[in-house]
Every structure is written in C-alpha cells, then in structure tokens.
C-alpha cells in the first residue's frame, strides 16, 4: 500500500506542476521549443505506467478496508 500511496502522490503532484507550467507559458506551453511541453506530456504518461491513478486508489482503498 505504501508504494501505491507514493506513486499516486508523486504522479498527481508532477501532473499539477506540469499543468501549472503550461498555464504560466500560455499557448507557448504547447510548442516543442519549450521544455515545459515535454514535461507536460511526460507527466501525463507517468499517470499511466505501473497502474493508473484509479487503480492505485483502488489498491489503497482495498488495503484500508482490510486494515479494520
């Protein structure tokens, strides 16, 4: 469960940070000339590797219910 919690937290935070970076750059945030465009796309992929956010939430929830 700890691994699922860490993955969920890390991937959600990197997604928020990348999203805000694109917001700061405005329309230029989607242009390949800026590193933030790459960060944004990579952050989205991180949410899918080794189980999506929803899968991680299910794992955490299942373990919390077992703990009672």
PDB file of N, CA and C in Angstrom:
ATOM      1  N   UNK A   1       0.825  -1.189   0.000  1.00  0.00           N
ATOM      2  CA  UNK A   1       0.000   0.000   0.000  1.00  0.00           C
ATOM      3  C   UNK A   1       0.871   1.255   0.000  1.00  0.00           C
ATOM      4  N   UNK A   2       1.984   1.218   0.690  1.00  0.00           N
ATOM      5  CA  UNK A   2       2.852   2.403   0.735  1.00  0.00           C
ATOM      6  C   UNK A   2       3.364   2.785  -0.652  1.00  0.00           C
ATOM      7  N   UNK A   3       3.667   1.785  -1.449  1.00  0.00           N
ATOM      8  CA  UNK A   3       4.144   2.052  -2.804  1.00  0.00           C
ATOM      9  C   UNK A   3       3.031   2.702  -3.629  1.00  0.00           C
ATOM     10  N   UNK A   4       1.818   2.210  -3.486  1.00  0.00           N
ATOM     11  CA  UNK A   4       0.681   2.795  -4.209  1.00  0.00           C
ATOM     12  C   UNK A   4       0.448   4.234  -3.771  1.00  0.00           C
ATOM     13  N   UNK A   5       0.565   4.485  -2.465  1.00  0.00           N
ATOM     14  CA  UNK A   5       0.401   5.855  -1.962  1.00  0.00           C
ATOM     15  C   UNK A   5       1.475   6.777  -2.531  1.00  0.00           C
ATOM     16  N   UNK A   6       2.715   6.298  -2.546  1.00  0.00           N
ATOM     17  CA  UNK A   6       3.822   7.113  -3.058  1.00  0.00           C
ATOM     18  C   UNK A   6       3.646   7.396  -4.550  1.00  0.00           C
ATOM     19  N   UNK A   7       3.271   6.366  -5.317  1.00  0.00           N
ATOM     20  CA  UNK A   7       3.081   6.559  -6.754  1.00  0.00           C
ATOM     21  C   UNK A   7       1.934   7.517  -7.035  1.00  0.00           C
ATOM     22  N   UNK A   8       0.837   7.331  -6.324  1.00  0.00           N
ATOM     23  CA  UNK A   8      -0.317   8.203  -6.516  1.00  0.00           C
ATOM     24  C   UNK A   8       0.040   9.649  -6.207  1.00  0.00           C
ATOM     25  N   UNK A   9       0.673   9.879  -5.068  1.00  0.00           N
ATOM     26  CA  UNK A   9       1.039  11.237  -4.680  1.00  0.00           C
ATOM     27  C   UNK A   9       2.010  11.857  -5.680  1.00  0.00           C
ATOM     28  N   UNK A  10       3.074  11.120  -6.008  1.00  0.00           N
ATOM     29  CA  UNK A  10       4.109  11.665  -6.889  1.00  0.00           C
ATOM     30  C   UNK A  10       3.575  11.975  -8.281  1.00  0.00           C
ATOM     31  N   UNK A  11       2.802  11.068  -8.845  1.00  0.00           N
ATOM     32  CA  UNK A  11       2.311  11.302 -10.204  1.00  0.00           C
ATOM     33  C   UNK A  11       1.271  12.411 -10.253  1.00  0.00           C
ATOM     34  N   UNK A  12       0.446  12.514  -9.226  1.00  0.00           N
ATOM     35  CA  UNK A  12      -0.525  13.605  -9.198  1.00  0.00           C
ATOM     36  C   UNK A  12       0.158  14.956  -9.018  1.00  0.00           C
ATOM     37  N   UNK A  13       1.180  15.003  -8.185  1.00  0.00           N
ATOM     38  CA  UNK A  13       1.893  16.268  -7.969  1.00  0.00           C
ATOM     39  C   UNK A  13       2.660  16.698  -9.209  1.00  0.00           C
ATOM     40  N   UNK A  14       3.352  15.750  -9.866  1.00  0.00           N
ATOM     41  CA  UNK A  14       4.085  16.121 -11.077  1.00  0.00           C
ATOM     42  C   UNK A  14       3.104  16.577 -12.164  1.00  0.00           C
ATOM     43  N   UNK A  15       1.923  15.982 -12.188  1.00  0.00           N
ATOM     44  CA  UNK A  15       0.902  16.419 -13.140  1.00  0.00           C
ATOM     45  C   UNK A  15       0.442  17.841 -12.877  1.00  0.00           C
ATOM     46  N   UNK A  16       0.237  18.155 -11.607  1.00  0.00           N
ATOM     47  CA  UNK A  16      -0.181  19.526 -11.258  1.00  0.00           C
ATOM     48  C   UNK A  16       0.901  20.546 -11.576  1.00  0.00           C
ATOM     49  N   UNK A  17       2.138  20.201 -11.258  1.00  0.00           N
ATOM     50  CA  UNK A  17       3.250  21.115 -11.523  1.00  0.00           C
ATOM     51  C   UNK A  17       3.405  21.349 -13.022  1.00  0.00           C
ATOM     52  N   UNK A  18       3.361  20.280 -13.808  1.00  0.00           N
ATOM     53  CA  UNK A  18       3.483  20.423 -15.260  1.00  0.00           C
ATOM     54  C   UNK A  18       2.326  21.230 -15.828  1.00  0.00           C
ATOM     55  N   UNK A  19       1.125  21.001 -15.316  1.00  0.00           N
ATOM     56  CA  UNK A  19      -0.043  21.748 -15.780  1.00  0.00           C
ATOM     57  C   UNK A  19       0.109  23.235 -15.485  1.00  0.00           C
ATOM     58  N   UNK A  20       0.598  23.547 -14.313  1.00  0.00           N
ATOM     59  CA  UNK A  20       0.805  24.961 -13.970  1.00  0.00           C
ATOM     60  C   UNK A  20       1.910  25.588 -14.809  1.00  0.00           C
ATOM     61  N   UNK A  21       2.918  24.797 -15.133  1.00  0.00           N
ATOM     62  CA  UNK A  21       3.977  25.300 -16.025  1.00  0.00           C
ATOM     63  C   UNK A  21       3.433  25.672 -17.389  1.00  0.00           C
ATOM     64  N   UNK A  22       2.546  24.835 -17.904  1.00  0.00           N
ATOM     65  CA  UNK A  22       1.913  25.135 -19.196  1.00  0.00           C
ATOM     66  C   UNK A  22       1.036  26.375 -19.058  1.00  0.00           C
ATOM     67  N   UNK A  23       0.323  26.492 -17.960  1.00  0.00           N
ATOM     68  CA  UNK A  23      -0.518  27.674 -17.722  1.00  0.00           C
ATOM     69  C   UNK A  23       0.321  28.948 -17.718  1.00  0.00           C
ATOM     70  N   UNK A  24       1.462  28.893 -17.068  1.00  0.00           N
ATOM     71  CA  UNK A  24       2.339  30.065 -16.984  1.00  0.00           C
ATOM     72  C   UNK A  24       2.832  30.472 -18.369  1.00  0.00           C
ATOM     73  N   UNK A  25       3.165  29.484 -19.190  1.00  0.00           N
ATOM     74  CA  UNK A  25       3.668  29.774 -20.536  1.00  0.00           C
ATOM     75  C   UNK A  25       2.550  30.094 -21.525  1.00  0.00           C
ATOM     76  N   UNK A  26       1.319  29.842 -21.148  1.00  0.00           N
ATOM     77  CA  UNK A  26       0.196  30.113 -22.037  1.00  0.00           C
ATOM     78  C   UNK A  26       0.240  29.218 -23.260  1.00  0.00           C
ATOM     79  N   UNK A  27      -0.103  29.759 -24.408  1.00  0.00           N
ATOM     80  CA  UNK A  27      -0.122  28.989 -25.645  1.00  0.00           C
ATOM     81  C   UNK A  27       1.246  28.450 -26.026  1.00  0.00           C
ATOM     82  N   UNK A  28       2.301  29.135 -25.588  1.00  0.00           N
ATOM     83  CA  UNK A  28       3.655  28.684 -25.902  1.00  0.00           C
ATOM     84  C   UNK A  28       4.001  27.396 -25.163  1.00  0.00           C
ATOM     85  N   UNK A  29       3.215  27.046 -24.145  1.00  0.00           N
ATOM     86  CA  UNK A  29       3.456  25.824 -23.396  1.00  0.00           C
ATOM     87  C   UNK A  29       3.248  24.562 -24.208  1.00  0.00           C
ATOM     88  N   UNK A  30       2.589  24.687 -25.351  1.00  0.00           N
ATOM     89  CA  UNK A  30       2.357  23.539 -26.229  1.00  0.00           C
ATOM     90  C   UNK A  30       3.353  23.453 -27.375  1.00  0.00           C
ATOM     91  N   UNK A  31       4.230  24.428 -27.475  1.00  0.00           N
ATOM     92  CA  UNK A  31       5.195  24.464 -28.568  1.00  0.00           C
ATOM     93  C   UNK A  31       6.422  23.633 -28.192  1.00  0.00           C
ATOM     94  N   UNK A  32       6.922  22.855 -29.140  1.00  0.00           N
ATOM     95  CA  UNK A  32       8.061  21.979 -28.892  1.00  0.00           C
ATOM     96  C   UNK A  32       9.339  22.712 -28.500  1.00  0.00           C
ATOM     97  N   UNK A  33       9.401  24.003 -28.728  1.00  0.00           N
ATOM     98  CA  UNK A  33      10.606  24.770 -28.413  1.00  0.00           C
ATOM     99  C   UNK A  33      10.821  24.927 -26.912  1.00  0.00           C
ATOM    100  N   UNK A  34       9.791  24.731 -26.118  1.00  0.00           N
ATOM    101  CA  UNK A  34       9.889  24.933 -24.683  1.00  0.00           C
ATOM    102  C   UNK A  34       9.899  23.593 -23.947  1.00  0.00           C
ATOM    103  N   UNK A  35      10.787  23.438 -22.976  1.00  0.00           N
ATOM    104  CA  UNK A  35      10.855  22.176 -22.227  1.00  0.00           C
ATOM    105  C   UNK A  35       9.558  21.830 -21.496  1.00  0.00           C
ATOM    106  N   UNK A  36       8.771  22.826 -21.156  1.00  0.00           N
ATOM    107  CA  UNK A  36       7.541  22.564 -20.404  1.00  0.00           C
ATOM    108  C   UNK A  36       6.576  21.696 -21.204  1.00  0.00           C
ATOM    109  N   UNK A  37       6.632  21.782 -22.519  1.00  0.00           N
ATOM    110  CA  UNK A  37       5.765  20.949 -23.362  1.00  0.00           C
ATOM    111  C   UNK A  37       6.113  19.477 -23.166  1.00  0.00           C
ATOM    112  N   UNK A  38       7.391  19.181 -23.121  1.00  0.00           N
ATOM    113  CA  UNK A  38       7.838  17.797 -22.911  1.00  0.00           C
ATOM    114  C   UNK A  38       7.481  17.316 -21.503  1.00  0.00           C
ATOM    115  N   UNK A  39       7.675  18.181 -20.499  1.00  0.00           N
ATOM    116  CA  UNK A  39       7.328  17.826 -19.128  1.00  0.00           C
ATOM    117  C   UNK A  39       5.848  17.495 -19.007  1.00  0.00           C
ATOM    118  N   UNK A  40       5.035  18.278 -19.684  1.00  0.00           N
ATOM    119  CA  UNK A  40       3.586  18.067 -19.616  1.00  0.00           C
ATOM    120  C   UNK A  40       3.202  16.695 -20.182  1.00  0.00           C
ATOM    121  N   UNK A  41       3.751  16.355 -21.326  1.00  0.00           N
ATOM    122  CA  UNK A  41       3.433  15.065 -21.933  1.00  0.00           C
ATOM    123  C   UNK A  41       4.003  13.902 -21.130  1.00  0.00           C
ATOM    124  N   UNK A  42       5.212  14.059 -20.623  1.00  0.00           N
ATOM    125  CA  UNK A  42       5.813  13.001 -19.803  1.00  0.00           C
ATOM    126  C   UNK A  42       5.038  12.797 -18.507  1.00  0.00           C
ATOM    127  N   UNK A  43       4.570  13.888 -17.910  1.00  0.00           N
ATOM    128  CA  UNK A  43       3.806  13.790 -16.659  1.00  0.00           C
ATOM    129  C   UNK A  43       2.513  13.021 -16.892  1.00  0.00           C
ATOM    130  N   UNK A  44       1.901  13.233 -18.021  1.00  0.00           N
ATOM    131  CA  UNK A  44       0.661  12.503 -18.329  1.00  0.00           C
ATOM    132  C   UNK A  44       0.923  11.005 -18.457  1.00  0.00           C
ATOM    133  N   UNK A  45       2.018  10.656 -19.073  1.00  0.00           N
ATOM    134  CA  UNK A  45       2.361   9.242 -19.222  1.00  0.00           C
ATOM    135  C   UNK A  45       2.688   8.587 -17.884  1.00  0.00           C
ATOM    136  N   UNK A  46       3.270   9.339 -16.968  1.00  0.00           N
ATOM    137  CA  UNK A  46       3.598   8.780 -15.652  1.00  0.00           C
ATOM    138  C   UNK A  46       2.349   8.304 -14.915  1.00  0.00           C
ATOM    139  N   UNK A  47       1.234   8.957 -15.177  1.00  0.00           N
ATOM    140  CA  UNK A  47      -0.014   8.559 -14.522  1.00  0.00           C
ATOM    141  C   UNK A  47      -0.523   7.215 -15.017  1.00  0.00           C
ATOM    142  N   UNK A  48      -0.011   6.757 -16.155  1.00  0.00           N
ATOM    143  CA  UNK A  48      -0.482   5.505 -16.746  1.00  0.00           C
ATOM    144  C   UNK A  48       0.446   4.325 -16.473  1.00  0.00           C
ATOM    145  N   UNK A  49       1.741   4.582 -16.331  1.00  0.00           N
ATOM    146  CA  UNK A  49       2.692   3.498 -16.109  1.00  0.00           C
ATOM    147  C   UNK A  49       2.452   2.840 -14.762  1.00  0.00           C
ATOM    148  N   UNK A  50       2.623   1.538 -14.711  1.00  0.00           N
ATOM    149  CA  UNK A  50       2.531   0.751 -13.480  1.00  0.00           C
ATOM    150  C   UNK A  50       1.198   0.930 -12.769  1.00  0.00           C
ATOM    151  N   UNK A  51       0.141   1.139 -13.499  1.00  0.00           N
ATOM    152  CA  UNK A  51      -1.193   1.273 -12.922  1.00  0.00           C
ATOM    153  C   UNK A  51      -1.653   2.710 -12.922  1.00  0.00           C
ATOM    154  N   UNK A  52      -2.851   2.913 -13.422  1.00  0.00           N
ATOM    155  CA  UNK A  52      -3.385   4.270 -13.486  1.00  0.00           C
ATOM    156  C   UNK A  52      -3.692   4.798 -12.091  1.00  0.00           C
ATOM    157  N   UNK A  53      -3.997   6.073 -12.025  1.00  0.00           N
ATOM    158  CA  UNK A  53      -4.358   6.701 -10.758  1.00  0.00           C
ATOM    159  C   UNK A  53      -5.535   5.984 -10.118  1.00  0.00           C
ATOM    160  N   UNK A  54      -6.518   5.620 -10.921  1.00  0.00           N
ATOM    161  CA  UNK A  54      -7.700   4.950 -10.380  1.00  0.00           C
ATOM    162  C   UNK A  54      -7.354   3.575  -9.822  1.00  0.00           C
ATOM    163  N   UNK A  55      -6.456   2.860 -10.473  1.00  0.00           N
ATOM    164  CA  UNK A  55      -6.026   1.555  -9.969  1.00  0.00           C
ATOM    165  C   UNK A  55      -5.313   1.726  -8.633  1.00  0.00           C
ATOM    166  N   UNK A  56      -4.461   2.738  -8.539  1.00  0.00           N
ATOM    167  CA  UNK A  56      -3.760   2.984  -7.273  1.00  0.00           C
ATOM    168  C   UNK A  56      -4.753   3.325  -6.165  1.00  0.00           C
ATOM    169  N   UNK A  57      -5.776   4.097  -6.481  1.00  0.00           N
ATOM    170  CA  UNK A  57      -6.799   4.424  -5.495  1.00  0.00           C
ATOM    171  C   UNK A  57      -7.543   3.173  -5.038  1.00  0.00           C
ATOM    172  N   UNK A  58      -7.828   2.270  -5.957  1.00  0.00           N
ATOM    173  CA  UNK A  58      -8.494   1.011  -5.590  1.00  0.00           C
ATOM    174  C   UNK A  58      -7.614   0.164  -4.676  1.00  0.00           C
ATOM    175  N   UNK A  59      -6.333   0.082  -4.982  1.00  0.00           N
ATOM    176  CA  UNK A  59      -5.407  -0.682  -4.148  1.00  0.00           C
ATOM    177  C   UNK A  59      -5.346  -0.102  -2.749  1.00  0.00           C
ATOM    178  N   UNK A  60      -5.235   1.216  -2.646  1.00  0.00           N
ATOM    179  CA  UNK A  60      -5.167   1.881  -1.344  1.00  0.00           C
ATOM    180  C   UNK A  60      -6.463   1.657  -0.570  1.00  0.00           C
ATOM    181  N   UNK A  61      -7.582   1.856  -1.221  1.00  0.00           N
ATOM    182  CA  UNK A  61      -8.880   1.665  -0.571  1.00  0.00           C
ATOM    183  C   UNK A  61      -9.077   0.247  -0.081  1.00  0.00           C
ATOM    184  N   UNK A  62      -8.699  -0.718  -0.899  1.00  0.00           N
ATOM    185  CA  UNK A  62      -8.833  -2.131  -0.528  1.00  0.00           C
ATOM    186  C   UNK A  62      -7.975  -2.446   0.701  1.00  0.00           C
ATOM    187  N   UNK A  63      -6.766  -1.932   0.732  1.00  0.00           N
ATOM    188  CA  UNK A  63      -5.879  -2.176   1.872  1.00  0.00           C
ATOM    189  C   UNK A  63      -6.386  -1.485   3.145  1.00  0.00           C
ATOM    190  N   UNK A  64      -6.955  -0.307   2.987  1.00  0.00           N
ATOM    191  CA  UNK A  64      -7.503   0.402   4.152  1.00  0.00           C
ATOM    192  C   UNK A  64      -8.702  -0.346   4.737  1.00  0.00           C
ATOM    193  N   UNK A  65      -9.526  -0.924   3.876  1.00  0.00           N
ATOM    194  CA  UNK A  65     -10.675  -1.688   4.355  1.00  0.00           C
ATOM    195  C   UNK A  65     -10.235  -2.977   5.060  1.00  0.00           C
ATOM    196  N   UNK A  66      -9.162  -3.570   4.560  1.00  0.00           N
ATOM    197  CA  UNK A  66      -8.607  -4.774   5.197  1.00  0.00           C
ATOM    198  C   UNK A  66      -8.010  -4.486   6.564  1.00  0.00           C
ATOM    199  N   UNK A  67      -7.490  -3.287   6.753  1.00  0.00           N
ATOM    200  CA  UNK A  67      -6.806  -2.927   7.989  1.00  0.00           C
ATOM    201  C   UNK A  67      -7.758  -2.863   9.185  1.00  0.00           C
ATOM    202  N   UNK A  68      -9.055  -2.695   8.938  1.00  0.00           N
ATOM    203  CA  UNK A  68     -10.002  -2.586  10.056  1.00  0.00           C
ATOM    204  C   UNK A  68     -10.282  -3.880  10.725  1.00  0.00           C
TER     205      UNK A  68
END
